[in-house]
Amino acid sequence: MNTIKSKATTALLLMGFLGALGVVGPALDIEDHGYEHEVAREELDKQQRQERFENAAREVCGENATYRLTHKHGEIICLTKRNHATGRIASIGETNAKSN
């Protein structure tokens, strides 16, 4: 009779432990994915900014032309396919382009 009582006690303790772990377990999840999500979000934003910049440069310089960055932030010089300057200097932050 003692063995049945000890088995029942062990089973009840095990069920109680598993129940407590089920309630408290999610709070014990120590892996924080917030940093990884933040890094991924920043990388996606960076890619989207680069795409917007390239689209704006393509719109200013033309579909088949390329561009070169100048020392000024957001300013480009349009180039032909053979890397000759077209004389067009544009500030991508603004919508107007000026010719030299």
PDB file of N, CA and C in Angstrom:
ATOM      1  N   MET A   1       0.815  -1.178   0.000  1.00  0.00           N
ATOM      2  CA  MET A   1       0.000   0.000   0.000  1.00  0.00           C
ATOM      3  C   MET A   1       0.869   1.256   0.000  1.00  0.00           C
ATOM      4  N   ASN A   2       2.006   1.147   0.609  1.00  0.00           N
ATOM      5  CA  ASN A   2       2.928   2.258   0.663  1.00  0.00           C
ATOM      6  C   ASN A   2       3.445   2.623  -0.729  1.00  0.00           C
ATOM      7  N   THR A   3       3.666   1.618  -1.557  1.00  0.00           N
ATOM      8  CA  THR A   3       4.173   1.887  -2.906  1.00  0.00           C
ATOM      9  C   THR A   3       3.117   2.569  -3.757  1.00  0.00           C
ATOM     10  N   ILE A   4       1.870   2.225  -3.589  1.00  0.00           N
ATOM     11  CA  ILE A   4       0.797   2.871  -4.353  1.00  0.00           C
ATOM     12  C   ILE A   4       0.689   4.328  -3.932  1.00  0.00           C
ATOM     13  N   LYS A   5       0.797   4.568  -2.635  1.00  0.00           N
ATOM     14  CA  LYS A   5       0.716   5.931  -2.112  1.00  0.00           C
ATOM     15  C   LYS A   5       1.890   6.763  -2.605  1.00  0.00           C
ATOM     16  N   SER A   6       3.088   6.194  -2.646  1.00  0.00           N
ATOM     17  CA  SER A   6       4.255   6.940  -3.095  1.00  0.00           C
ATOM     18  C   SER A   6       4.196   7.189  -4.603  1.00  0.00           C
ATOM     19  N   LYS A   7       3.664   6.244  -5.360  1.00  0.00           N
ATOM     20  CA  LYS A   7       3.501   6.447  -6.795  1.00  0.00           C
ATOM     21  C   LYS A   7       2.464   7.526  -7.075  1.00  0.00           C
ATOM     22  N   ALA A   8       1.399   7.534  -6.312  1.00  0.00           N
ATOM     23  CA  ALA A   8       0.361   8.547  -6.485  1.00  0.00           C
ATOM     24  C   ALA A   8       0.901   9.914  -6.100  1.00  0.00           C
ATOM     25  N   THR A   9       1.670   9.975  -5.039  1.00  0.00           N
ATOM     26  CA  THR A   9       2.264  11.240  -4.612  1.00  0.00           C
ATOM     27  C   THR A   9       3.249  11.741  -5.662  1.00  0.00           C
ATOM     28  N   THR A  10       4.058  10.838  -6.187  1.00  0.00           N
ATOM     29  CA  THR A  10       5.015  11.205  -7.222  1.00  0.00           C
ATOM     30  C   THR A  10       4.290  11.710  -8.462  1.00  0.00           C
ATOM     31  N   ALA A  11       3.221  11.029  -8.852  1.00  0.00           N
ATOM     32  CA  ALA A  11       2.451  11.436 -10.033  1.00  0.00           C
ATOM     33  C   ALA A  11       1.814  12.806  -9.808  1.00  0.00           C
ATOM     34  N   LEU A  12       1.263  13.035  -8.599  1.00  0.00           N
ATOM     35  CA  LEU A  12       0.653  14.332  -8.300  1.00  0.00           C
ATOM     36  C   LEU A  12       1.704  15.453  -8.285  1.00  0.00           C
ATOM     37  N   LEU A  13       2.857  15.171  -7.706  1.00  0.00           N
ATOM     38  CA  LEU A  13       3.930  16.167  -7.697  1.00  0.00           C
ATOM     39  C   LEU A  13       4.411  16.478  -9.120  1.00  0.00           C
ATOM     40  N   LEU A  14       4.537  15.434  -9.929  1.00  0.00           N
ATOM     41  CA  LEU A  14       4.965  15.627 -11.313  1.00  0.00           C
ATOM     42  C   LEU A  14       3.928  16.438 -12.085  1.00  0.00           C
ATOM     43  N   MET A  15       2.661  16.157 -11.924  1.00  0.00           N
ATOM     44  CA  MET A  15       1.598  16.898 -12.592  1.00  0.00           C
ATOM     45  C   MET A  15       1.576  18.346 -12.105  1.00  0.00           C
ATOM     46  N   GLY A  16       1.783  18.537 -10.813  1.00  0.00           N
ATOM     47  CA  GLY A  16       1.830  19.897 -10.275  1.00  0.00           C
ATOM     48  C   GLY A  16       3.012  20.678 -10.825  1.00  0.00           C
ATOM     49  N   PHE A  17       4.153  20.018 -10.912  1.00  0.00           N
ATOM     50  CA  PHE A  17       5.335  20.670 -11.456  1.00  0.00           C
ATOM     51  C   PHE A  17       5.132  21.030 -12.925  1.00  0.00           C
ATOM     52  N   LEU A  18       4.604  20.110 -13.707  1.00  0.00           N
ATOM     53  CA  LEU A  18       4.354  20.382 -15.123  1.00  0.00           C
ATOM     54  C   LEU A  18       3.313  21.488 -15.311  1.00  0.00           C
ATOM     55  N   GLY A  19       2.292  21.488 -14.449  1.00  0.00           N
ATOM     56  CA  GLY A  19       1.287  22.557 -14.514  1.00  0.00           C
ATOM     57  C   GLY A  19       1.899  23.911 -14.186  1.00  0.00           C
ATOM     58  N   ALA A  20       2.735  23.957 -13.165  1.00  0.00           N
ATOM     59  CA  ALA A  20       3.390  25.216 -12.803  1.00  0.00           C
ATOM     60  C   ALA A  20       4.344  25.663 -13.901  1.00  0.00           C
ATOM     61  N   LEU A  21       5.038  24.726 -14.503  1.00  0.00           N
ATOM     62  CA  LEU A  21       5.932  25.056 -15.599  1.00  0.00           C
ATOM     63  C   LEU A  21       5.155  25.572 -16.805  1.00  0.00           C
ATOM     64  N   GLY A  22       3.982  25.020 -17.041  1.00  0.00           N
ATOM     65  CA  GLY A  22       3.131  25.495 -18.134  1.00  0.00           C
ATOM     66  C   GLY A  22       2.658  26.918 -17.905  1.00  0.00           C
ATOM     67  N   VAL A  23       2.417  27.283 -16.655  1.00  0.00           N
ATOM     68  CA  VAL A  23       1.971  28.638 -16.345  1.00  0.00           C
ATOM     69  C   VAL A  23       3.140  29.615 -16.330  1.00  0.00           C
ATOM     70  N   VAL A  24       4.231  29.230 -15.724  1.00  0.00           N
ATOM     71  CA  VAL A  24       5.371  30.122 -15.557  1.00  0.00           C
ATOM     72  C   VAL A  24       6.344  30.045 -16.737  1.00  0.00           C
ATOM     73  N   GLY A  25       6.311  28.983 -17.495  1.00  0.00           N
ATOM     74  CA  GLY A  25       7.263  28.745 -18.578  1.00  0.00           C
ATOM     75  C   GLY A  25       7.399  29.873 -19.580  1.00  0.00           C
ATOM     76  N   PRO A  26       6.296  30.412 -20.112  1.00  0.00           N
ATOM     77  CA  PRO A  26       6.442  31.493 -21.085  1.00  0.00           C
ATOM     78  C   PRO A  26       7.178  32.715 -20.534  1.00  0.00           C
ATOM     79  N   ALA A  27       7.061  32.949 -19.247  1.00  0.00           N
ATOM     80  CA  ALA A  27       7.775  34.075 -18.644  1.00  0.00           C
ATOM     81  C   ALA A  27       9.270  33.785 -18.534  1.00  0.00           C
ATOM     82  N   LEU A  28       9.659  32.514 -18.603  1.00  0.00           N
ATOM     83  CA  LEU A  28      11.061  32.134 -18.492  1.00  0.00           C
ATOM     84  C   LEU A  28      11.787  32.175 -19.831  1.00  0.00           C
ATOM     85  N   ASP A  29      11.074  32.505 -20.905  1.00  0.00           N
ATOM     86  CA  ASP A  29      11.702  32.582 -22.220  1.00  0.00           C
ATOM     87  C   ASP A  29      12.698  33.739 -22.212  1.00  0.00           C
ATOM     88  N   ILE A  30      13.976  33.407 -22.114  1.00  0.00           N
ATOM     89  CA  ILE A  30      14.997  34.435 -21.939  1.00  0.00           C
ATOM     90  C   ILE A  30      15.553  34.954 -23.265  1.00  0.00           C
ATOM     91  N   GLU A  31      15.198  34.318 -24.389  1.00  0.00           N
ATOM     92  CA  GLU A  31      15.704  34.790 -25.669  1.00  0.00           C
ATOM     93  C   GLU A  31      14.935  36.031 -26.082  1.00  0.00           C
ATOM     94  N   ASP A  32      15.647  37.107 -26.244  1.00  0.00           N
ATOM     95  CA  ASP A  32      15.048  38.370 -26.652  1.00  0.00           C
ATOM     96  C   ASP A  32      15.355  38.589 -28.124  1.00  0.00           C
ATOM     97  N   HIS A  33      14.327  38.536 -28.957  1.00  0.00           N
ATOM     98  CA  HIS A  33      14.517  38.715 -30.388  1.00  0.00           C
ATOM     99  C   HIS A  33      14.308  40.165 -30.799  1.00  0.00           C
ATOM    100  N   GLY A  34      14.106  41.053 -29.849  1.00  0.00           N
ATOM    101  CA  GLY A  34      13.877  42.452 -30.151  1.00  0.00           C
ATOM    102  C   GLY A  34      15.045  43.080 -30.889  1.00  0.00           C
ATOM    103  N   TYR A  35      16.259  42.757 -30.481  1.00  0.00           N
ATOM    104  CA  TYR A  35      17.452  43.307 -31.123  1.00  0.00           C
ATOM    105  C   TYR A  35      17.559  42.831 -32.566  1.00  0.00           C
ATOM    106  N   GLU A  36      17.307  41.532 -32.791  1.00  0.00           N
ATOM    107  CA  GLU A  36      17.394  40.979 -34.140  1.00  0.00           C
ATOM    108  C   GLU A  36      16.355  41.624 -35.054  1.00  0.00           C
ATOM    109  N   HIS A  37      15.154  41.842 -34.528  1.00  0.00           N
ATOM    110  CA  HIS A  37      14.108  42.484 -35.323  1.00  0.00           C
ATOM    111  C   HIS A  37      14.477  43.931 -35.617  1.00  0.00           C
ATOM    112  N   GLU A  38      15.079  44.593 -34.668  1.00  0.00           N
ATOM    113  CA  GLU A  38      15.489  45.991 -34.860  1.00  0.00           C
ATOM    114  C   GLU A  38      16.568  46.094 -35.943  1.00  0.00           C
ATOM    115  N   VAL A  39      17.533  45.182 -35.909  1.00  0.00           N
ATOM    116  CA  VAL A  39      18.595  45.178 -36.913  1.00  0.00           C
ATOM    117  C   VAL A  39      18.010  44.890 -38.294  1.00  0.00           C
ATOM    118  N   ALA A  40      17.111  43.932 -38.373  1.00  0.00           N
ATOM    119  CA  ALA A  40      16.479  43.604 -39.654  1.00  0.00           C
ATOM    120  C   ALA A  40      15.657  44.782 -40.172  1.00  0.00           C
ATOM    121  N   ARG A  41      14.949  45.469 -39.295  1.00  0.00           N
ATOM    122  CA  ARG A  41      14.145  46.626 -39.694  1.00  0.00           C
ATOM    123  C   ARG A  41      15.045  47.749 -40.202  1.00  0.00           C
ATOM    124  N   GLU A  42      16.167  47.994 -39.522  1.00  0.00           N
ATOM    125  CA  GLU A  42      17.106  49.031 -39.957  1.00  0.00           C
ATOM    126  C   GLU A  42      17.708  48.686 -41.316  1.00  0.00           C
ATOM    127  N   GLU A  43      18.042  47.419 -41.531  1.00  0.00           N
ATOM    128  CA  GLU A  43      18.607  46.997 -42.812  1.00  0.00           C
ATOM    129  C   GLU A  43      17.582  47.162 -43.935  1.00  0.00           C
ATOM    130  N   LEU A  44      16.335  46.820 -43.671  1.00  0.00           N
ATOM    131  CA  LEU A  44      15.278  47.000 -44.663  1.00  0.00           C
ATOM    132  C   LEU A  44      15.070  48.469 -44.981  1.00  0.00           C
ATOM    133  N   ASP A  45      15.085  49.325 -43.970  1.00  0.00           N
ATOM    134  CA  ASP A  45      14.961  50.768 -44.195  1.00  0.00           C
ATOM    135  C   ASP A  45      16.127  51.295 -45.028  1.00  0.00           C
ATOM    136  N   LYS A  46      17.319  50.802 -44.758  1.00  0.00           N
ATOM    137  CA  LYS A  46      18.507  51.223 -45.506  1.00  0.00           C
ATOM    138  C   LYS A  46      18.381  50.826 -46.977  1.00  0.00           C
ATOM    139  N   GLN A  47      17.918  49.605 -47.235  1.00  0.00           N
ATOM    140  CA  GLN A  47      17.731  49.148 -48.607  1.00  0.00           C
ATOM    141  C   GLN A  47      16.672  49.977 -49.326  1.00  0.00           C
ATOM    142  N   GLN A  48      15.590  50.310 -48.628  1.00  0.00           N
ATOM    143  CA  GLN A  48      14.534  51.110 -49.242  1.00  0.00           C
ATOM    144  C   GLN A  48      15.017  52.528 -49.541  1.00  0.00           C
ATOM    145  N   ARG A  49      15.817  53.123 -48.663  1.00  0.00           N
ATOM    146  CA  ARG A  49      16.384  54.448 -48.930  1.00  0.00           C
ATOM    147  C   ARG A  49      17.299  54.404 -50.148  1.00  0.00           C
ATOM    148  N   GLN A  50      18.113  53.351 -50.257  1.00  0.00           N
ATOM    149  CA  GLN A  50      19.015  53.209 -51.405  1.00  0.00           C
ATOM    150  C   GLN A  50      18.211  53.057 -52.697  1.00  0.00           C
ATOM    151  N   GLU A  51      17.144  52.276 -52.678  1.00  0.00           N
ATOM    152  CA  GLU A  51      16.301  52.113 -53.863  1.00  0.00           C
ATOM    153  C   GLU A  51      15.647  53.429 -54.267  1.00  0.00           C
ATOM    154  N   ARG A  52      15.159  54.195 -53.283  1.00  0.00           N
ATOM    155  CA  ARG A  52      14.554  55.492 -53.598  1.00  0.00           C
ATOM    156  C   ARG A  52      15.583  56.440 -54.202  1.00  0.00           C
ATOM    157  N   PHE A  53      16.801  56.434 -53.667  1.00  0.00           N
ATOM    158  CA  PHE A  53      17.871  57.278 -54.188  1.00  0.00           C
ATOM    159  C   PHE A  53      18.203  56.890 -55.630  1.00  0.00           C
ATOM    160  N   GLU A  54      18.345  55.598 -55.886  1.00  0.00           N
ATOM    161  CA  GLU A  54      18.676  55.133 -57.233  1.00  0.00           C
ATOM    162  C   GLU A  54      17.547  55.439 -58.217  1.00  0.00           C
ATOM    163  N   ASN A  55      16.308  55.290 -57.793  1.00  0.00           N
ATOM    164  CA  ASN A  55      15.177  55.625 -58.666  1.00  0.00           C
ATOM    165  C   ASN A  55      15.158  57.111 -58.992  1.00  0.00           C
ATOM    166  N   ALA A  56      15.436  57.943 -58.007  1.00  0.00           N
ATOM    167  CA  ALA A  56      15.473  59.386 -58.238  1.00  0.00           C
ATOM    168  C   ALA A  56      16.621  59.743 -59.167  1.00  0.00           C
ATOM    169  N   ALA A  57      17.781  59.122 -58.989  1.00  0.00           N
ATOM    170  CA  ALA A  57      18.928  59.377 -59.865  1.00  0.00           C
ATOM    171  C   ALA A  57      18.618  58.932 -61.283  1.00  0.00           C
ATOM    172  N   ARG A  58      17.957  57.799 -61.440  1.00  0.00           N
ATOM    173  CA  ARG A  58      17.586  57.308 -62.761  1.00  0.00           C
ATOM    174  C   ARG A  58      16.583  58.248 -63.430  1.00  0.00           C
ATOM    175  N   GLU A  59      15.681  58.795 -62.636  1.00  0.00           N
ATOM    176  CA  GLU A  59      14.696  59.726 -63.173  1.00  0.00           C
ATOM    177  C   GLU A  59      15.371  61.015 -63.649  1.00  0.00           C
ATOM    178  N   VAL A  60      16.363  61.493 -62.916  1.00  0.00           N
ATOM    179  CA  VAL A  60      17.051  62.735 -63.276  1.00  0.00           C
ATOM    180  C   VAL A  60      18.002  62.518 -64.447  1.00  0.00           C
ATOM    181  N   CYS A  61      18.796  61.450 -64.390  1.00  0.00           N
ATOM    182  CA  CYS A  61      19.842  61.236 -65.395  1.00  0.00           C
ATOM    183  C   CYS A  61      19.334  60.523 -66.648  1.00  0.00           C
ATOM    184  N   GLY A  62      18.286  59.798 -66.555  1.00  0.00           N
ATOM    185  CA  GLY A  62      17.792  59.018 -67.688  1.00  0.00           C
ATOM    186  C   GLY A  62      17.916  57.536 -67.395  1.00  0.00           C
ATOM    187  N   GLU A  63      17.139  56.755 -68.114  1.00  0.00           N
ATOM    188  CA  GLU A  63      17.055  55.319 -67.856  1.00  0.00           C
ATOM    189  C   GLU A  63      18.377  54.594 -68.108  1.00  0.00           C
ATOM    190  N   ASN A  64      19.099  54.951 -69.169  1.00  0.00           N
ATOM    191  CA  ASN A  64      20.325  54.236 -69.531  1.00  0.00           C
ATOM    192  C   ASN A  64      21.593  54.890 -69.009  1.00  0.00           C
ATOM    193  N   ALA A  65      21.470  56.044 -68.413  1.00  0.00           N
ATOM    194  CA  ALA A  65      22.648  56.749 -67.901  1.00  0.00           C
ATOM    195  C   ALA A  65      22.992  56.240 -66.510  1.00  0.00           C
ATOM    196  N   THR A  66      24.185  56.571 -66.089  1.00  0.00           N
ATOM    197  CA  THR A  66      24.612  56.247 -64.735  1.00  0.00           C
ATOM    198  C   THR A  66      24.965  57.554 -64.026  1.00  0.00           C
ATOM    199  N   TYR A  67      25.419  57.463 -62.809  1.00  0.00           N
ATOM    200  CA  TYR A  67      25.740  58.666 -62.057  1.00  0.00           C
ATOM    201  C   TYR A  67      26.933  58.412 -61.159  1.00  0.00           C
ATOM    202  N   ARG A  68      27.511  59.514 -60.699  1.00  0.00           N
ATOM    203  CA  ARG A  68      28.619  59.450 -59.742  1.00  0.00           C
ATOM    204  C   ARG A  68      28.293  60.418 -58.615  1.00  0.00           C
ATOM    205  N   LEU A  69      28.545  60.020 -57.400  1.00  0.00           N
ATOM    206  CA  LEU A  69      28.315  60.885 -56.250  1.00  0.00           C
ATOM    207  C   LEU A  69      29.391  61.955 -56.187  1.00  0.00           C
ATOM    208  N   THR A  70      29.019  63.134 -55.744  1.00  0.00           N
ATOM    209  CA  THR A  70      29.996  64.197 -55.537  1.00  0.00           C
ATOM    210  C   THR A  70      30.331  64.278 -54.057  1.00  0.00           C
ATOM    211  N   HIS A  71      31.148  65.247 -53.692  1.00  0.00           N
ATOM    212  CA  HIS A  71      31.527  65.396 -52.290  1.00  0.00           C
ATOM    213  C   HIS A  71      30.388  65.978 -51.459  1.00  0.00           C
ATOM    214  N   LYS A  72      29.385  66.565 -52.106  1.00  0.00           N
ATOM    215  CA  LYS A  72      28.237  67.106 -51.381  1.00  0.00           C
ATOM    216  C   LYS A  72      27.199  66.013 -51.167  1.00  0.00           C
ATOM    217  N   HIS A  73      26.599  66.002 -50.021  1.00  0.00           N
ATOM    218  CA  HIS A  73      25.609  64.984 -49.674  1.00  0.00           C
ATOM    219  C   HIS A  73      24.387  65.092 -50.594  1.00  0.00           C
ATOM    220  N   GLY A  74      24.040  64.005 -51.246  1.00  0.00           N
ATOM    221  CA  GLY A  74      22.850  63.963 -52.078  1.00  0.00           C
ATOM    222  C   GLY A  74      23.023  64.543 -53.462  1.00  0.00           C
ATOM    223  N   GLU A  75      24.232  64.936 -53.843  1.00  0.00           N
ATOM    224  CA  GLU A  75      24.449  65.532 -55.160  1.00  0.00           C
ATOM    225  C   GLU A  75      25.138  64.507 -56.058  1.00  0.00           C
ATOM    226  N   ILE A  76      24.667  64.442 -57.310  1.00  0.00           N
ATOM    227  CA  ILE A  76      25.230  63.488 -58.260  1.00  0.00           C
ATOM    228  C   ILE A  76      25.596  64.209 -59.552  1.00  0.00           C
ATOM    229  N   ILE A  77      26.479  63.590 -60.324  1.00  0.00           N
ATOM    230  CA  ILE A  77      26.807  64.031 -61.671  1.00  0.00           C
ATOM    231  C   ILE A  77      26.370  62.911 -62.609  1.00  0.00           C
ATOM    232  N   CYS A  78      25.544  63.247 -63.572  1.00  0.00           N
ATOM    233  CA  CYS A  78      25.078  62.249 -64.529  1.00  0.00           C
ATOM    234  C   CYS A  78      26.193  61.918 -65.514  1.00  0.00           C
ATOM    235  N   LEU A  79      26.294  60.644 -65.872  1.00  0.00           N
ATOM    236  CA  LEU A  79      27.329  60.163 -66.780  1.00  0.00           C
ATOM    237  C   LEU A  79      26.693  59.384 -67.925  1.00  0.00           C
ATOM    238  N   THR A  80      27.399  59.334 -69.057  1.00  0.00           N
ATOM    239  CA  THR A  80      26.949  58.497 -70.159  1.00  0.00           C
ATOM    240  C   THR A  80      27.409  57.068 -69.895  1.00  0.00           C
ATOM    241  N   LYS A  81      27.074  56.175 -70.808  1.00  0.00           N
ATOM    242  CA  LYS A  81      27.469  54.777 -70.596  1.00  0.00           C
ATOM    243  C   LYS A  81      28.985  54.581 -70.690  1.00  0.00           C
ATOM    244  N   ARG A  82      29.694  55.542 -71.278  1.00  0.00           N
ATOM    245  CA  ARG A  82      31.160  55.472 -71.346  1.00  0.00           C
ATOM    246  C   ARG A  82      31.820  56.327 -70.269  1.00  0.00           C
ATOM    247  N   ASN A  83      31.068  56.673 -69.254  1.00  0.00           N
ATOM    248  CA  ASN A  83      31.525  57.439 -68.090  1.00  0.00           C
ATOM    249  C   ASN A  83      31.978  58.856 -68.421  1.00  0.00           C
ATOM    250  N   HIS A  84      31.412  59.466 -69.431  1.00  0.00           N
ATOM    251  CA  HIS A  84      31.661  60.873 -69.723  1.00  0.00           C
ATOM    252  C   HIS A  84      30.566  61.686 -69.036  1.00  0.00           C
ATOM    253  N   ALA A  85      30.958  62.766 -68.405  1.00  0.00           N
ATOM    254  CA  ALA A  85      29.979  63.607 -67.709  1.00  0.00           C
ATOM    255  C   ALA A  85      29.047  64.265 -68.725  1.00  0.00           C
ATOM    256  N   THR A  86      27.769  64.273 -68.434  1.00  0.00           N
ATOM    257  CA  THR A  86      26.792  64.893 -69.329  1.00  0.00           C
ATOM    258  C   THR A  86      26.641  66.372 -69.043  1.00  0.00           C
ATOM    259  N   GLY A  87      27.218  66.848 -67.966  1.00  0.00           N
ATOM    260  CA  GLY A  87      27.085  68.248 -67.585  1.00  0.00           C
ATOM    261  C   GLY A  87      25.908  68.489 -66.674  1.00  0.00           C
ATOM    262  N   ARG A  88      25.170  67.472 -66.370  1.00  0.00           N
ATOM    263  CA  ARG A  88      24.020  67.614 -65.492  1.00  0.00           C
ATOM    264  C   ARG A  88      24.425  67.273 -64.073  1.00  0.00           C
ATOM    265  N   ILE A  89      24.240  68.222 -63.170  1.00  0.00           N
ATOM    266  CA  ILE A  89      24.483  68.019 -61.747  1.00  0.00           C
ATOM    267  C   ILE A  89      23.139  68.134 -61.060  1.00  0.00           C
ATOM    268  N   ALA A  90      22.821  67.179 -60.222  1.00  0.00           N
ATOM    269  CA  ALA A  90      21.507  67.176 -59.589  1.00  0.00           C
ATOM    270  C   ALA A  90      21.643  66.917 -58.100  1.00  0.00           C
ATOM    271  N   SER A  91      20.801  67.587 -57.359  1.00  0.00           N
ATOM    272  CA  SER A  91      20.674  67.300 -55.929  1.00  0.00           C
ATOM    273  C   SER A  91      19.455  66.418 -55.767  1.00  0.00           C
ATOM    274  N   ILE A  92      19.655  65.204 -55.335  1.00  0.00           N
ATOM    275  CA  ILE A  92      18.576  64.231 -55.261  1.00  0.00           C
ATOM    276  C   ILE A  92      17.559  64.623 -54.197  1.00  0.00           C
ATOM    277  N   GLY A  93      17.990  65.309 -53.166  1.00  0.00           N
ATOM    278  CA  GLY A  93      17.055  65.751 -52.135  1.00  0.00           C
ATOM    279  C   GLY A  93      16.055  66.749 -52.662  1.00  0.00           C
ATOM    280  N   GLU A  94      16.404  67.434 -53.733  1.00  0.00           N
ATOM    281  CA  GLU A  94      15.523  68.415 -54.360  1.00  0.00           C
ATOM    282  C   GLU A  94      15.066  67.862 -55.698  1.00  0.00           C
ATOM    283  N   THR A  95      14.012  68.443 -56.261  1.00  0.00           N
ATOM    284  CA  THR A  95      13.477  67.929 -57.519  1.00  0.00           C
ATOM    285  C   THR A  95      14.048  68.638 -58.731  1.00  0.00           C
ATOM    286  N   ASN A  96      14.775  69.741 -58.550  1.00  0.00           N
ATOM    287  CA  ASN A  96      15.293  70.460 -59.703  1.00  0.00           C
ATOM    288  C   ASN A  96      16.710  70.004 -60.029  1.00  0.00           C
ATOM    289  N   ALA A  97      17.043  70.067 -61.302  1.00  0.00           N
ATOM    290  CA  ALA A  97      18.391  69.732 -61.754  1.00  0.00           C
ATOM    291  C   ALA A  97      18.932  70.941 -62.487  1.00  0.00           C
ATOM    292  N   LYS A  98      20.231  71.147 -62.350  1.00  0.00           N
ATOM    293  CA  LYS A  98      20.826  72.298 -63.023  1.00  0.00           C
ATOM    294  C   LYS A  98      21.902  71.816 -63.985  1.00  0.00           C
ATOM    295  N   SER A  99      22.003  72.463 -65.111  1.00  0.00           N
ATOM    296  CA  SER A  99      22.996  72.083 -66.119  1.00  0.00           C
ATOM    297  C   SER A  99      24.156  73.053 -66.081  1.00  0.00           C
ATOM    298  N   ASN A 100      25.351  72.550 -66.357  1.00  0.00           N
ATOM    299  CA  ASN A 100      26.552  73.395 -66.421  1.00  0.00           C
ATOM    300  C   ASN A 100      26.829  73.795 -67.852  1.00  0.00           C
TER     301      ASN A 100
END
